[in-house]
Amino acid sequence: MNPFFRIPQELEGLIEGYQWNKVTIGESTDSVSRLARKGRRTLYLKTGAISHDRRVLEEKGALAWLKTMLPIPRIVGFASDSEYDFLLTEALTGVNACAVPPESPTDLVRLLAHGLVSIHKCTINDCPLNKRLEVEIIRARDNLSNGYSPMIDLHGRSPIEAFEALLKSRPSVEDIVFTHGDYSIPNVMINRGRISGFVDWGRAGIADRYRDIALALKSIQRNLGPGLEQVFLQEYGIVSPDLKKIEFYKLINEFL
């Protein structure tokens, strides 16, 4: 029995008999539940309010577009009602990278770098997912207009003042690739010492590669501690990182 939501009729038959557990790891505003049933493939149900940013609907589009390119969750079903979007996917093999024992953080960081390289190698021909700055800045400004406030130290400035200052540091050139949009340790799956896939694609799209690099570095520092950022950059293939872009993309993400 589902203790969290009233499930649309078109999904009920797909999850009948499953046991539910709410997933608490991660910082998404969407609700994620793990569904398990003996003898069946484990499923995940992501639910997002349609009054918000509809990241769940965007993730459905990203998974559908990426399905032959990368190891990602397979869509089992999708539905919407008057309040929520519901995305049902199959679980990937392996465990969340946060659950990997930190016997060798350096090896994990190298894996993360290789994983990001594979994402950035995806073709962007005919990709309908546009996350260039021209789009993201509009989204960020709309969030501010709707009362969103970043959960960071703004050094005495209001969110609007901090955002306007951010715009002044906007990069003049974007190095466009296909990006994950939230490339962090919780969104990488590991199996037998190798990456088995990537999850949480609600922010995926064409953008500057530093959009992912900045958040990867932030995640590495938060989850593994300082001192490993250079390992990631070198393994990714960056000798002289653009520090201004790194700081820009870390900060603009706070407004999204």
C-alpha atoms as a PDB file:
ATOM      1  CA  MET A   1       0.000   0.000   0.000  1.00  0.00           C
ATOM      2  CA  ASN A   2       1.238   3.492  -0.877  1.00  0.00           C
ATOM      3  CA  PRO A   3       1.385   5.715   2.211  1.00  0.00           C
ATOM      4  CA  PHE A   4       2.483   8.872   0.418  1.00  0.00           C
ATOM      5  CA  PHE A   5       0.306   9.751  -2.603  1.00  0.00           C
ATOM      6  CA  ARG A   6      -2.884   8.921  -4.406  1.00  0.00           C
ATOM      7  CA  ILE A   7      -1.512   7.177  -7.483  1.00  0.00           C
ATOM      8  CA  PRO A   8      -3.016   7.825 -10.933  1.00  0.00           C
ATOM      9  CA  GLN A   9      -4.997   4.868 -12.221  1.00  0.00           C
ATOM     10  CA  GLU A  10      -2.639   4.238 -15.161  1.00  0.00           C
ATOM     11  CA  LEU A  11       0.216   3.484 -12.726  1.00  0.00           C
ATOM     12  CA  GLU A  12      -1.673   1.445 -10.124  1.00  0.00           C
ATOM     13  CA  GLY A  13      -1.288  -1.882 -11.900  1.00  0.00           C
ATOM     14  CA  LEU A  14       2.443  -1.365 -12.341  1.00  0.00           C
ATOM     15  CA  ILE A  15       3.106  -1.025  -8.605  1.00  0.00           C
ATOM     16  CA  GLU A  16       0.524  -3.337  -7.086  1.00  0.00           C
ATOM     17  CA  GLY A  17       1.984  -5.463  -4.297  1.00  0.00           C
ATOM     18  CA  TYR A  18       5.150  -3.392  -3.848  1.00  0.00           C
ATOM     19  CA  GLN A  19       6.489  -2.273  -0.471  1.00  0.00           C
ATOM     20  CA  TRP A  20       7.227   1.435  -0.206  1.00  0.00           C
ATOM     21  CA  ASN A  21      10.134   3.245   1.426  1.00  0.00           C
ATOM     22  CA  LYS A  22      10.713   6.975   1.157  1.00  0.00           C
ATOM     23  CA  VAL A  23      14.180   8.024  -0.041  1.00  0.00           C
ATOM     24  CA  THR A  24      15.665  10.779   2.096  1.00  0.00           C
ATOM     25  CA  ILE A  25      19.124  11.196   0.560  1.00  0.00           C
ATOM     26  CA  GLY A  26      19.632  14.180  -1.737  1.00  0.00           C
ATOM     27  CA  GLU A  27      18.355  17.753  -1.779  1.00  0.00           C
ATOM     28  CA  SER A  28      15.633  17.598  -4.404  1.00  0.00           C
ATOM     29  CA  THR A  29      12.271  19.180  -3.618  1.00  0.00           C
ATOM     30  CA  ASP A  30      10.615  16.241  -5.396  1.00  0.00           C
ATOM     31  CA  SER A  31       9.525  13.173  -3.434  1.00  0.00           C
ATOM     32  CA  VAL A  32      11.248   9.859  -4.238  1.00  0.00           C
ATOM     33  CA  SER A  33      10.084   6.437  -3.077  1.00  0.00           C
ATOM     34  CA  ARG A  34      11.769   3.040  -3.454  1.00  0.00           C
ATOM     35  CA  LEU A  35       9.343   0.233  -4.343  1.00  0.00           C
ATOM     36  CA  ALA A  36      10.399  -3.375  -3.697  1.00  0.00           C
ATOM     37  CA  ARG A  37       8.647  -6.693  -4.332  1.00  0.00           C
ATOM     38  CA  LYS A  38      10.085 -10.191  -4.105  1.00  0.00           C
ATOM     39  CA  GLY A  39      10.856 -11.620  -7.522  1.00  0.00           C
ATOM     40  CA  ARG A  40      10.381  -8.273  -9.269  1.00  0.00           C
ATOM     41  CA  ARG A  41      12.758  -5.520 -10.331  1.00  0.00           C
ATOM     42  CA  THR A  42      13.018  -2.712  -7.787  1.00  0.00           C
ATOM     43  CA  LEU A  43      11.348   0.502  -8.926  1.00  0.00           C
ATOM     44  CA  TYR A  44      11.584   4.169  -8.007  1.00  0.00           C
ATOM     45  CA  LEU A  45       8.697   6.615  -8.109  1.00  0.00           C
ATOM     46  CA  LYS A  46       9.515  10.302  -8.303  1.00  0.00           C
ATOM     47  CA  THR A  47       6.701  12.767  -7.654  1.00  0.00           C
ATOM     48  CA  GLY A  48       6.814  16.513  -8.208  1.00  0.00           C
ATOM     49  CA  ALA A  49       4.215  19.234  -7.795  1.00  0.00           C
ATOM     50  CA  ILE A  50       3.118  20.703 -11.125  1.00  0.00           C
ATOM     51  CA  SER A  51       2.778  24.095  -9.443  1.00  0.00           C
ATOM     52  CA  HIS A  52       6.566  24.163  -9.042  1.00  0.00           C
ATOM     53  CA  ASP A  53       9.202  23.704 -11.785  1.00  0.00           C
ATOM     54  CA  ARG A  54       8.044  20.356 -13.257  1.00  0.00           C
ATOM     55  CA  ARG A  55      11.505  18.809 -12.996  1.00  0.00           C
ATOM     56  CA  VAL A  56       9.861  15.375 -13.031  1.00  0.00           C
ATOM     57  CA  LEU A  57       8.375  16.034 -16.453  1.00  0.00           C
ATOM     58  CA  GLU A  58      11.742  17.341 -17.641  1.00  0.00           C
ATOM     59  CA  GLU A  59      13.442  14.206 -16.318  1.00  0.00           C
ATOM     60  CA  LYS A  60      11.048  12.040 -18.320  1.00  0.00           C
ATOM     61  CA  GLY A  61      12.096  13.920 -21.460  1.00  0.00           C
ATOM     62  CA  ALA A  62      15.790  13.560 -20.640  1.00  0.00           C
ATOM     63  CA  LEU A  63      15.533   9.816 -19.981  1.00  0.00           C
ATOM     64  CA  ALA A  64      13.603   9.274 -23.190  1.00  0.00           C
ATOM     65  CA  TRP A  65      16.187  11.182 -25.214  1.00  0.00           C
ATOM     66  CA  LEU A  66      19.186   9.528 -23.542  1.00  0.00           C
ATOM     67  CA  LYS A  67      17.963   5.935 -23.466  1.00  0.00           C
ATOM     68  CA  THR A  68      20.481   4.562 -25.991  1.00  0.00           C
ATOM     69  CA  MET A  69      23.428   6.748 -24.974  1.00  0.00           C
ATOM     70  CA  LEU A  70      24.151   6.129 -21.291  1.00  0.00           C
ATOM     71  CA  PRO A  71      23.366   3.677 -18.476  1.00  0.00           C
ATOM     72  CA  ILE A  72      20.287   5.377 -17.030  1.00  0.00           C
ATOM     73  CA  PRO A  73      17.005   4.257 -15.465  1.00  0.00           C
ATOM     74  CA  ARG A  74      14.418   2.801 -17.835  1.00  0.00           C
ATOM     75  CA  ILE A  75      11.030   4.511 -17.798  1.00  0.00           C
ATOM     76  CA  VAL A  76       8.292   2.134 -16.644  1.00  0.00           C
ATOM     77  CA  GLY A  77       5.471   4.636 -16.595  1.00  0.00           C
ATOM     78  CA  PHE A  78       4.519   8.303 -16.361  1.00  0.00           C
ATOM     79  CA  ALA A  79       1.336  10.075 -15.363  1.00  0.00           C
ATOM     80  CA  SER A  80       0.053  13.452 -14.193  1.00  0.00           C
ATOM     81  CA  ASP A  81      -2.977  14.558 -12.249  1.00  0.00           C
ATOM     82  CA  SER A  82      -4.189  17.999 -11.202  1.00  0.00           C
ATOM     83  CA  GLU A  83      -1.408  18.328  -8.611  1.00  0.00           C
ATOM     84  CA  TYR A  84       1.561  16.095  -9.407  1.00  0.00           C
ATOM     85  CA  ASP A  85       3.740  14.520 -12.076  1.00  0.00           C
ATOM     86  CA  PHE A  86       4.645  10.868 -11.437  1.00  0.00           C
ATOM     87  CA  LEU A  87       7.679   9.177 -12.998  1.00  0.00           C
ATOM     88  CA  LEU A  88       8.165   5.430 -12.437  1.00  0.00           C
ATOM     89  CA  THR A  89      11.560   3.957 -13.362  1.00  0.00           C
ATOM     90  CA  GLU A  90      13.528   0.750 -12.901  1.00  0.00           C
ATOM     91  CA  ALA A  91      16.363   0.742 -10.381  1.00  0.00           C
ATOM     92  CA  LEU A  92      19.900   0.565 -11.702  1.00  0.00           C
ATOM     93  CA  THR A  93      22.326  -2.146 -10.644  1.00  0.00           C
ATOM     94  CA  GLY A  94      24.685  -1.209  -7.809  1.00  0.00           C
ATOM     95  CA  VAL A  95      24.570   1.250  -4.948  1.00  0.00           C
ATOM     96  CA  ASN A  96      24.641   4.992  -4.577  1.00  0.00           C
ATOM     97  CA  ALA A  97      28.255   6.213  -4.617  1.00  0.00           C
ATOM     98  CA  CYS A  98      27.704   7.734  -1.167  1.00  0.00           C
ATOM     99  CA  ALA A  99      27.335   4.172   0.147  1.00  0.00           C
ATOM    100  CA  VAL A 100      30.698   3.044  -1.227  1.00  0.00           C
ATOM    101  CA  PRO A 101      33.174   2.549   1.654  1.00  0.00           C
ATOM    102  CA  PRO A 102      35.751   5.369   1.415  1.00  0.00           C
ATOM    103  CA  GLU A 103      38.749   3.007   1.363  1.00  0.00           C
ATOM    104  CA  SER A 104      40.198   4.957  -1.528  1.00  0.00           C
ATOM    105  CA  PRO A 105      38.511   8.356  -2.043  1.00  0.00           C
ATOM    106  CA  THR A 106      41.008   9.110  -4.801  1.00  0.00           C
ATOM    107  CA  ASP A 107      39.810   6.120  -6.830  1.00  0.00           C
ATOM    108  CA  LEU A 108      36.199   7.206  -6.368  1.00  0.00           C
ATOM    109  CA  VAL A 109      37.023  10.720  -7.529  1.00  0.00           C
ATOM    110  CA  ARG A 110      38.698   9.298 -10.621  1.00  0.00           C
ATOM    111  CA  LEU A 111      35.588   7.260 -11.356  1.00  0.00           C
ATOM    112  CA  LEU A 112      33.454  10.380 -11.024  1.00  0.00           C
ATOM    113  CA  ALA A 113      35.679  12.221 -13.497  1.00  0.00           C
ATOM    114  CA  HIS A 114      35.470   9.386 -16.022  1.00  0.00           C
ATOM    115  CA  GLY A 115      31.702   9.298 -15.613  1.00  0.00           C
ATOM    116  CA  LEU A 116      31.391  12.990 -16.357  1.00  0.00           C
ATOM    117  CA  VAL A 117      33.575  12.634 -19.435  1.00  0.00           C
ATOM    118  CA  SER A 118      31.177   9.972 -20.751  1.00  0.00           C
ATOM    119  CA  ILE A 119      28.189  12.266 -20.205  1.00  0.00           C
ATOM    120  CA  HIS A 120      29.874  15.200 -21.912  1.00  0.00           C
ATOM    121  CA  LYS A 121      30.690  13.027 -24.931  1.00  0.00           C
ATOM    122  CA  CYS A 122      26.987  12.548 -25.714  1.00  0.00           C
ATOM    123  CA  THR A 123      25.983  14.023 -29.024  1.00  0.00           C
ATOM    124  CA  ILE A 124      23.989  17.226 -28.825  1.00  0.00           C
ATOM    125  CA  ASN A 125      22.562  16.921 -32.339  1.00  0.00           C
ATOM    126  CA  ASP A 126      18.794  17.467 -32.168  1.00  0.00           C
ATOM    127  CA  CYS A 127      18.854  17.622 -28.359  1.00  0.00           C
ATOM    128  CA  PRO A 128      15.655  19.382 -27.249  1.00  0.00           C
ATOM    129  CA  LEU A 129      16.927  20.091 -23.717  1.00  0.00           C
ATOM    130  CA  ASN A 130      18.274  23.638 -23.610  1.00  0.00           C
ATOM    131  CA  LYS A 131      19.968  24.716 -20.385  1.00  0.00           C
ATOM    132  CA  ARG A 132      22.168  27.469 -21.779  1.00  0.00           C
ATOM    133  CA  LEU A 133      22.563  30.546 -19.621  1.00  0.00           C
ATOM    134  CA  GLU A 134      19.965  32.453 -21.610  1.00  0.00           C
ATOM    135  CA  VAL A 135      17.404  29.941 -20.308  1.00  0.00           C
ATOM    136  CA  GLU A 136      18.756  29.349 -16.813  1.00  0.00           C
ATOM    137  CA  ILE A 137      19.036  33.049 -16.002  1.00  0.00           C
ATOM    138  CA  ILE A 138      15.365  33.533 -16.855  1.00  0.00           C
ATOM    139  CA  ARG A 139      14.459  30.600 -14.615  1.00  0.00           C
ATOM    140  CA  ALA A 140      16.582  31.965 -11.780  1.00  0.00           C
ATOM    141  CA  ARG A 141      15.030  35.419 -12.114  1.00  0.00           C
ATOM    142  CA  ASP A 142      11.541  33.905 -12.079  1.00  0.00           C
ATOM    143  CA  ASN A 143      12.416  31.992  -8.908  1.00  0.00           C
ATOM    144  CA  LEU A 144      13.486  35.230  -7.244  1.00  0.00           C
ATOM    145  CA  SER A 145      10.287  36.942  -8.344  1.00  0.00           C
ATOM    146  CA  ASN A 146       8.329  34.112  -6.727  1.00  0.00           C
ATOM    147  CA  GLY A 147      10.063  34.616  -3.403  1.00  0.00           C
ATOM    148  CA  TYR A 148      12.829  32.021  -3.636  1.00  0.00           C
ATOM    149  CA  SER A 149      15.774  32.731  -1.338  1.00  0.00           C
ATOM    150  CA  PRO A 150      19.138  30.900  -1.616  1.00  0.00           C
ATOM    151  CA  MET A 151      20.204  28.988   1.490  1.00  0.00           C
ATOM    152  CA  ILE A 152      23.714  30.421   1.491  1.00  0.00           C
ATOM    153  CA  ASP A 153      25.586  33.319   3.025  1.00  0.00           C
ATOM    154  CA  LEU A 154      24.965  36.319   0.772  1.00  0.00           C
ATOM    155  CA  HIS A 155      27.460  38.469   2.702  1.00  0.00           C
ATOM    156  CA  GLY A 156      24.886  41.007   3.777  1.00  0.00           C
ATOM    157  CA  ARG A 157      23.252  41.364   0.362  1.00  0.00           C
ATOM    158  CA  SER A 158      19.647  40.663  -0.478  1.00  0.00           C
ATOM    159  CA  PRO A 159      18.988  37.748  -2.880  1.00  0.00           C
ATOM    160  CA  ILE A 160      18.203  40.226  -5.656  1.00  0.00           C
ATOM    161  CA  GLU A 161      21.424  42.177  -5.029  1.00  0.00           C
ATOM    162  CA  ALA A 162      23.429  38.949  -4.992  1.00  0.00           C
ATOM    163  CA  PHE A 163      21.778  37.816  -8.212  1.00  0.00           C
ATOM    164  CA  GLU A 164      22.472  41.099  -9.998  1.00  0.00           C
ATOM    165  CA  ALA A 165      26.105  40.884  -8.886  1.00  0.00           C
ATOM    166  CA  LEU A 166      26.195  37.335 -10.226  1.00  0.00           C
ATOM    167  CA  LEU A 167      25.013  38.514 -13.633  1.00  0.00           C
ATOM    168  CA  LYS A 168      27.961  40.856 -13.861  1.00  0.00           C
ATOM    169  CA  SER A 169      30.281  37.836 -13.682  1.00  0.00           C
ATOM    170  CA  ARG A 170      28.394  35.944 -16.399  1.00  0.00           C
ATOM    171  CA  PRO A 171      30.859  34.127 -18.706  1.00  0.00           C
ATOM    172  CA  SER A 172      31.087  35.682 -22.154  1.00  0.00           C
ATOM    173  CA  VAL A 173      31.558  32.290 -23.860  1.00  0.00           C
ATOM    174  CA  GLU A 174      29.879  28.946 -23.172  1.00  0.00           C
ATOM    175  CA  ASP A 175      31.718  25.685 -23.916  1.00  0.00           C
ATOM    176  CA  ILE A 176      28.622  23.760 -24.939  1.00  0.00           C
ATOM    177  CA  VAL A 177      28.214  20.025 -24.252  1.00  0.00           C
ATOM    178  CA  PHE A 178      25.451  17.782 -22.968  1.00  0.00           C
ATOM    179  CA  THR A 179      25.286  18.205 -19.187  1.00  0.00           C
ATOM    180  CA  HIS A 180      23.730  16.256 -16.340  1.00  0.00           C
ATOM    181  CA  GLY A 181      22.799  19.405 -14.435  1.00  0.00           C
ATOM    182  CA  ASP A 182      23.275  17.954 -10.947  1.00  0.00           C
ATOM    183  CA  TYR A 183      26.426  15.874 -11.234  1.00  0.00           C
ATOM    184  CA  SER A 184      27.092  14.943  -7.627  1.00  0.00           C
ATOM    185  CA  ILE A 185      28.149  11.834  -5.734  1.00  0.00           C
ATOM    186  CA  PRO A 186      24.561  10.832  -4.734  1.00  0.00           C
ATOM    187  CA  ASN A 187      23.584  10.703  -8.420  1.00  0.00           C
ATOM    188  CA  VAL A 188      26.247   8.194  -9.486  1.00  0.00           C
ATOM    189  CA  MET A 189      25.698   4.448  -9.075  1.00  0.00           C
ATOM    190  CA  ILE A 190      28.596   2.081  -8.425  1.00  0.00           C
ATOM    191  CA  ASN A 191      28.740  -1.700  -8.926  1.00  0.00           C
ATOM    192  CA  ARG A 192      31.854  -3.802  -8.309  1.00  0.00           C
ATOM    193  CA  GLY A 193      34.142  -0.823  -8.427  1.00  0.00           C
ATOM    194  CA  ARG A 194      32.746   0.625 -11.651  1.00  0.00           C
ATOM    195  CA  ILE A 195      30.070   3.147 -12.539  1.00  0.00           C
ATOM    196  CA  SER A 196      26.850   1.296 -13.332  1.00  0.00           C
ATOM    197  CA  GLY A 197      24.759   4.332 -14.188  1.00  0.00           C
ATOM    198  CA  PHE A 198      23.527   7.828 -13.433  1.00  0.00           C
ATOM    199  CA  VAL A 199      20.273   9.029 -11.873  1.00  0.00           C
ATOM    200  CA  ASP A 200      18.334  12.262 -11.272  1.00  0.00           C
ATOM    201  CA  TRP A 201      18.184  13.826 -14.740  1.00  0.00           C
ATOM    202  CA  GLY A 202      15.641  16.577 -14.082  1.00  0.00           C
ATOM    203  CA  ARG A 203      18.137  19.346 -14.884  1.00  0.00           C
ATOM    204  CA  ALA A 204      19.844  17.741 -17.868  1.00  0.00           C
ATOM    205  CA  GLY A 205      20.468  19.651 -21.071  1.00  0.00           C
ATOM    206  CA  ILE A 206      22.827  21.483 -23.357  1.00  0.00           C
ATOM    207  CA  ALA A 207      25.024  23.913 -21.420  1.00  0.00           C
ATOM    208  CA  ASP A 208      28.587  24.856 -20.545  1.00  0.00           C
ATOM    209  CA  ARG A 209      30.611  21.864 -19.266  1.00  0.00           C
ATOM    210  CA  TYR A 210      31.506  23.911 -16.173  1.00  0.00           C
ATOM    211  CA  ARG A 211      27.882  23.651 -15.092  1.00  0.00           C
ATOM    212  CA  ASP A 212      28.640  20.026 -14.153  1.00  0.00           C
ATOM    213  CA  ILE A 213      32.269  20.509 -13.181  1.00  0.00           C
ATOM    214  CA  ALA A 214      31.415  23.153 -10.588  1.00  0.00           C
ATOM    215  CA  LEU A 215      28.775  21.006  -8.875  1.00  0.00           C
ATOM    216  CA  ALA A 216      31.005  17.914  -9.006  1.00  0.00           C
ATOM    217  CA  LEU A 217      33.771  19.788  -7.208  1.00  0.00           C
ATOM    218  CA  LYS A 218      31.304  21.069  -4.615  1.00  0.00           C
ATOM    219  CA  SER A 219      29.982  17.542  -4.027  1.00  0.00           C
ATOM    220  CA  ILE A 220      33.471  16.069  -3.711  1.00  0.00           C
ATOM    221  CA  GLN A 221      34.426  18.626  -1.080  1.00  0.00           C
ATOM    222  CA  ARG A 222      31.178  18.162   0.838  1.00  0.00           C
ATOM    223  CA  ASN A 223      31.151  14.346   0.790  1.00  0.00           C
ATOM    224  CA  LEU A 224      34.853  13.451   0.759  1.00  0.00           C
ATOM    225  CA  GLY A 225      36.546  16.506   2.195  1.00  0.00           C
ATOM    226  CA  PRO A 226      38.958  19.048   0.689  1.00  0.00           C
ATOM    227  CA  GLY A 227      42.081  18.200  -1.277  1.00  0.00           C
ATOM    228  CA  LEU A 228      40.635  15.954  -3.994  1.00  0.00           C
ATOM    229  CA  GLU A 229      39.368  18.606  -6.394  1.00  0.00           C
ATOM    230  CA  GLN A 230      42.616  18.672  -8.359  1.00  0.00           C
ATOM    231  CA  VAL A 231      42.498  14.898  -8.788  1.00  0.00           C
ATOM    232  CA  PHE A 232      39.051  15.247 -10.373  1.00  0.00           C
ATOM    233  CA  LEU A 233      40.120  18.050 -12.699  1.00  0.00           C
ATOM    234  CA  GLN A 234      43.273  16.263 -13.862  1.00  0.00           C
ATOM    235  CA  GLU A 235      41.403  12.995 -14.461  1.00  0.00           C
ATOM    236  CA  TYR A 236      38.717  14.869 -16.378  1.00  0.00           C
ATOM    237  CA  GLY A 237      41.427  16.440 -18.530  1.00  0.00           C
ATOM    238  CA  ILE A 238      41.589  20.026 -17.293  1.00  0.00           C
ATOM    239  CA  VAL A 239      45.064  21.361 -16.643  1.00  0.00           C
ATOM    240  CA  SER A 240      44.186  25.014 -16.083  1.00  0.00           C
ATOM    241  CA  PRO A 241      40.646  25.270 -14.682  1.00  0.00           C
ATOM    242  CA  ASP A 242      38.560  28.385 -15.213  1.00  0.00           C
ATOM    243  CA  LEU A 243      38.106  29.385 -11.585  1.00  0.00           C
ATOM    244  CA  LYS A 244      35.705  32.211 -12.400  1.00  0.00           C
ATOM    245  CA  LYS A 245      33.385  29.826 -14.228  1.00  0.00           C
ATOM    246  CA  ILE A 246      33.527  27.370 -11.362  1.00  0.00           C
ATOM    247  CA  GLU A 247      32.417  30.026  -8.880  1.00  0.00           C
ATOM    248  CA  PHE A 248      29.780  31.386 -11.254  1.00  0.00           C
ATOM    249  CA  TYR A 249      28.123  28.020 -11.809  1.00  0.00           C
ATOM    250  CA  LYS A 250      28.278  27.102  -8.130  1.00  0.00           C
ATOM    251  CA  LEU A 251      26.448  30.302  -7.276  1.00  0.00           C
ATOM    252  CA  ILE A 252      23.844  30.377 -10.024  1.00  0.00           C
ATOM    253  CA  ASN A 253      22.846  26.837  -9.085  1.00  0.00           C
ATOM    254  CA  GLU A 254      21.772  28.216  -5.706  1.00  0.00           C
ATOM    255  CA  PHE A 255      19.128  30.302  -7.485  1.00  0.00           C
ATOM    256  CA  LEU A 256      17.736  27.342  -9.423  1.00  0.00           C
END
